[in-house]
Amino acid sequence: WVIASARCQSSAGGSTPVLRTAGARVRTGGGAGHGRMKAPIDFVLRGESITLDALLKAAGLAESGGRAKAMVAAGLVRVDGQTELRKACRLRAGQVVSLGDAQLRLQAPPEQNP
């Protein structure tokens, strides 16, 4: 995957790279088998939820918001195994979004200590 304007860093205490994009952190999964769906990528939310089109753009699966909306309208995106046609569908931690052989697993943001 190519994610524009993303920096790749090692996660704390591990060797799993973390891609930092505007609005989220995307943690890449392990290797993928040939012809099979790739391992899910953990997408760490910044808030409680994100819209489907914004997620596709932030994760680098769509090069623009308009392209993300077109992909959803065309029925190319699945949420928790079901085709999702609502562009502004609100997604929360625990849900899985699929586009082609790519899978994003939404994770809750880390707790903030006051």
C-alpha atoms as a PDB file:
ATOM      1  CA  TRP A   1       0.000   0.000   0.000  1.00  0.00           C
ATOM      2  CA  VAL A   2       1.100   3.522  -0.671  1.00  0.00           C
ATOM      3  CA  ILE A   3      -0.202   6.047   1.790  1.00  0.00           C
ATOM      4  CA  ALA A   4       0.536   9.614   0.833  1.00  0.00           C
ATOM      5  CA  SER A   5       2.084  11.817   3.490  1.00  0.00           C
ATOM      6  CA  ALA A   6       2.460   8.968   5.961  1.00  0.00           C
ATOM      7  CA  ARG A   7       5.464   8.313   8.171  1.00  0.00           C
ATOM      8  CA  CYS A   8       6.424   4.791   9.106  1.00  0.00           C
ATOM      9  CA  GLN A   9       7.744   4.193  12.620  1.00  0.00           C
ATOM     10  CA  SER A  10       8.247   1.159  14.784  1.00  0.00           C
ATOM     11  CA  SER A  11       5.598   0.731  17.436  1.00  0.00           C
ATOM     12  CA  ALA A  12       6.678   0.961  21.062  1.00  0.00           C
ATOM     13  CA  GLY A  13       8.123  -2.322  22.265  1.00  0.00           C
ATOM     14  CA  GLY A  14       7.658  -4.153  18.970  1.00  0.00           C
ATOM     15  CA  SER A  15       8.711  -4.457  15.397  1.00  0.00           C
ATOM     16  CA  THR A  16       5.277  -3.826  13.844  1.00  0.00           C
ATOM     17  CA  PRO A  17       5.452  -0.653  11.755  1.00  0.00           C
ATOM     18  CA  VAL A  18       2.912   2.068  12.493  1.00  0.00           C
ATOM     19  CA  LEU A  19       1.847   4.342   9.659  1.00  0.00           C
ATOM     20  CA  ARG A  20       0.809   7.767  10.879  1.00  0.00           C
ATOM     21  CA  THR A  21      -1.691   9.515   8.651  1.00  0.00           C
ATOM     22  CA  ALA A  22      -3.664  12.681   9.129  1.00  0.00           C
ATOM     23  CA  GLY A  23      -6.268  11.803  11.722  1.00  0.00           C
ATOM     24  CA  ALA A  24      -5.261   8.253  12.578  1.00  0.00           C
ATOM     25  CA  ARG A  25      -2.591   5.660  13.098  1.00  0.00           C
ATOM     26  CA  VAL A  26      -2.602   2.602  10.894  1.00  0.00           C
ATOM     27  CA  ARG A  27      -0.726  -0.434  12.174  1.00  0.00           C
ATOM     28  CA  THR A  28       0.219  -2.851   9.427  1.00  0.00           C
ATOM     29  CA  GLY A  29      -0.435  -6.554   9.886  1.00  0.00           C
ATOM     30  CA  GLY A  30       1.720  -9.525   9.004  1.00  0.00           C
ATOM     31  CA  GLY A  31       2.402 -10.938   5.560  1.00  0.00           C
ATOM     32  CA  ALA A  32      -0.347 -12.094   3.260  1.00  0.00           C
ATOM     33  CA  GLY A  33      -0.848 -15.392   1.487  1.00  0.00           C
ATOM     34  CA  HIS A  34      -0.912 -15.586  -2.284  1.00  0.00           C
ATOM     35  CA  GLY A  35      -4.399 -14.937  -3.672  1.00  0.00           C
ATOM     36  CA  ARG A  36      -5.897 -14.561  -0.220  1.00  0.00           C
ATOM     37  CA  MET A  37      -7.149 -11.575   1.723  1.00  0.00           C
ATOM     38  CA  LYS A  38      -4.305  -9.737   3.417  1.00  0.00           C
ATOM     39  CA  ALA A  39      -4.027  -9.658   7.183  1.00  0.00           C
ATOM     40  CA  PRO A  40      -6.219  -6.883   8.630  1.00  0.00           C
ATOM     41  CA  ILE A  41      -4.638  -3.516   9.279  1.00  0.00           C
ATOM     42  CA  ASP A  42      -5.413  -1.978  12.672  1.00  0.00           C
ATOM     43  CA  PHE A  43      -6.709   1.566  12.218  1.00  0.00           C
ATOM     44  CA  VAL A  44      -6.624   3.467  15.531  1.00  0.00           C
ATOM     45  CA  LEU A  45      -9.426   6.006  15.779  1.00  0.00           C
ATOM     46  CA  ARG A  46      -8.762   9.512  17.106  1.00  0.00           C
ATOM     47  CA  GLY A  47     -12.296   9.902  18.436  1.00  0.00           C
ATOM     48  CA  GLU A  48     -15.320   7.720  19.049  1.00  0.00           C
ATOM     49  CA  SER A  49     -16.196   7.257  15.369  1.00  0.00           C
ATOM     50  CA  ILE A  50     -15.295   8.094  11.761  1.00  0.00           C
ATOM     51  CA  THR A  51     -17.390   8.194   8.590  1.00  0.00           C
ATOM     52  CA  LEU A  52     -16.788   5.498   6.007  1.00  0.00           C
ATOM     53  CA  ASP A  53     -15.642   7.887   3.270  1.00  0.00           C
ATOM     54  CA  ALA A  54     -13.265   9.673   5.661  1.00  0.00           C
ATOM     55  CA  LEU A  55     -11.798   6.311   6.747  1.00  0.00           C
ATOM     56  CA  LEU A  56     -11.092   5.234   3.168  1.00  0.00           C
ATOM     57  CA  LYS A  57      -9.320   8.518   2.480  1.00  0.00           C
ATOM     58  CA  ALA A  58      -7.371   8.593   5.783  1.00  0.00           C
ATOM     59  CA  ALA A  59      -6.211   4.991   5.346  1.00  0.00           C
ATOM     60  CA  GLY A  60      -4.990   5.671   1.810  1.00  0.00           C
ATOM     61  CA  LEU A  61      -7.489   3.339   0.128  1.00  0.00           C
ATOM     62  CA  ALA A  62      -8.952   6.304  -1.777  1.00  0.00           C
ATOM     63  CA  GLU A  63      -6.915   9.184  -3.172  1.00  0.00           C
ATOM     64  CA  SER A  64      -9.713  11.687  -2.507  1.00  0.00           C
ATOM     65  CA  GLY A  65     -13.003  12.045  -0.671  1.00  0.00           C
ATOM     66  CA  GLY A  66     -14.863  12.022  -3.982  1.00  0.00           C
ATOM     67  CA  ARG A  67     -13.188   8.764  -4.994  1.00  0.00           C
ATOM     68  CA  ALA A  68     -14.053   7.242  -1.601  1.00  0.00           C
ATOM     69  CA  LYS A  69     -17.729   8.186  -2.043  1.00  0.00           C
ATOM     70  CA  ALA A  70     -17.740   6.729  -5.567  1.00  0.00           C
ATOM     71  CA  MET A  71     -16.286   3.421  -4.320  1.00  0.00           C
ATOM     72  CA  VAL A  72     -18.965   3.189  -1.621  1.00  0.00           C
ATOM     73  CA  ALA A  73     -21.750   4.085  -4.087  1.00  0.00           C
ATOM     74  CA  ALA A  74     -20.465   1.386  -6.474  1.00  0.00           C
ATOM     75  CA  GLY A  75     -20.851  -1.248  -3.743  1.00  0.00           C
ATOM     76  CA  LEU A  76     -17.129  -2.006  -3.506  1.00  0.00           C
ATOM     77  CA  VAL A  77     -16.889  -1.558   0.286  1.00  0.00           C
ATOM     78  CA  ARG A  78     -18.032  -3.998   2.947  1.00  0.00           C
ATOM     79  CA  VAL A  79     -18.502  -3.291   6.646  1.00  0.00           C
ATOM     80  CA  ASP A  80     -18.548  -6.339   8.913  1.00  0.00           C
ATOM     81  CA  GLY A  81     -19.064  -8.560   5.864  1.00  0.00           C
ATOM     82  CA  GLN A  82     -22.056  -6.620   4.484  1.00  0.00           C
ATOM     83  CA  THR A  83     -21.984  -4.319   1.443  1.00  0.00           C
ATOM     84  CA  GLU A  84     -22.324  -0.742   2.701  1.00  0.00           C
ATOM     85  CA  LEU A  85     -23.829   1.897   0.399  1.00  0.00           C
ATOM     86  CA  ARG A  86     -24.040   4.762   2.918  1.00  0.00           C
ATOM     87  CA  LYS A  87     -21.072   7.072   2.309  1.00  0.00           C
ATOM     88  CA  ALA A  88     -21.354   8.803   5.685  1.00  0.00           C
ATOM     89  CA  CYS A  89     -21.986   5.605   7.660  1.00  0.00           C
ATOM     90  CA  ARG A  90     -20.519   6.083  11.176  1.00  0.00           C
ATOM     91  CA  LEU A  91     -17.961   3.436  12.083  1.00  0.00           C
ATOM     92  CA  ARG A  92     -16.779   2.575  15.583  1.00  0.00           C
ATOM     93  CA  ALA A  93     -14.086   0.473  17.232  1.00  0.00           C
ATOM     94  CA  GLY A  94     -14.432  -3.252  16.603  1.00  0.00           C
ATOM     95  CA  GLN A  95     -15.818  -2.949  13.083  1.00  0.00           C
ATOM     96  CA  VAL A  96     -13.979  -4.337  10.039  1.00  0.00           C
ATOM     97  CA  VAL A  97     -14.018  -2.561   6.665  1.00  0.00           C
ATOM     98  CA  SER A  98     -13.036  -4.449   3.491  1.00  0.00           C
ATOM     99  CA  LEU A  99     -12.191  -3.113   0.049  1.00  0.00           C
ATOM    100  CA  GLY A 100     -10.898  -5.682  -2.420  1.00  0.00           C
ATOM    101  CA  ASP A 101      -8.263  -7.722  -0.585  1.00  0.00           C
ATOM    102  CA  ALA A 102      -7.601  -4.953   1.963  1.00  0.00           C
ATOM    103  CA  GLN A 103      -9.125  -5.092   5.444  1.00  0.00           C
ATOM    104  CA  LEU A 104      -9.149  -2.371   8.095  1.00  0.00           C
ATOM    105  CA  ARG A 105      -9.939  -3.285  11.705  1.00  0.00           C
ATOM    106  CA  LEU A 106     -10.986  -0.227  13.711  1.00  0.00           C
ATOM    107  CA  GLN A 107      -9.402   0.138  17.137  1.00  0.00           C
ATOM    108  CA  ALA A 108     -10.416   2.425  20.002  1.00  0.00           C
ATOM    109  CA  PRO A 109      -8.114   5.367  20.661  1.00  0.00           C
ATOM    110  CA  PRO A 110      -5.622   4.933  23.509  1.00  0.00           C
ATOM    111  CA  GLU A 111      -6.879   6.277  26.824  1.00  0.00           C
ATOM    112  CA  GLN A 112      -5.573   9.703  27.743  1.00  0.00           C
ATOM    113  CA  ASN A 113      -4.264  10.274  31.277  1.00  0.00           C
ATOM    114  CA  PRO A 114      -5.216  13.711  32.669  1.00  0.00           C
END
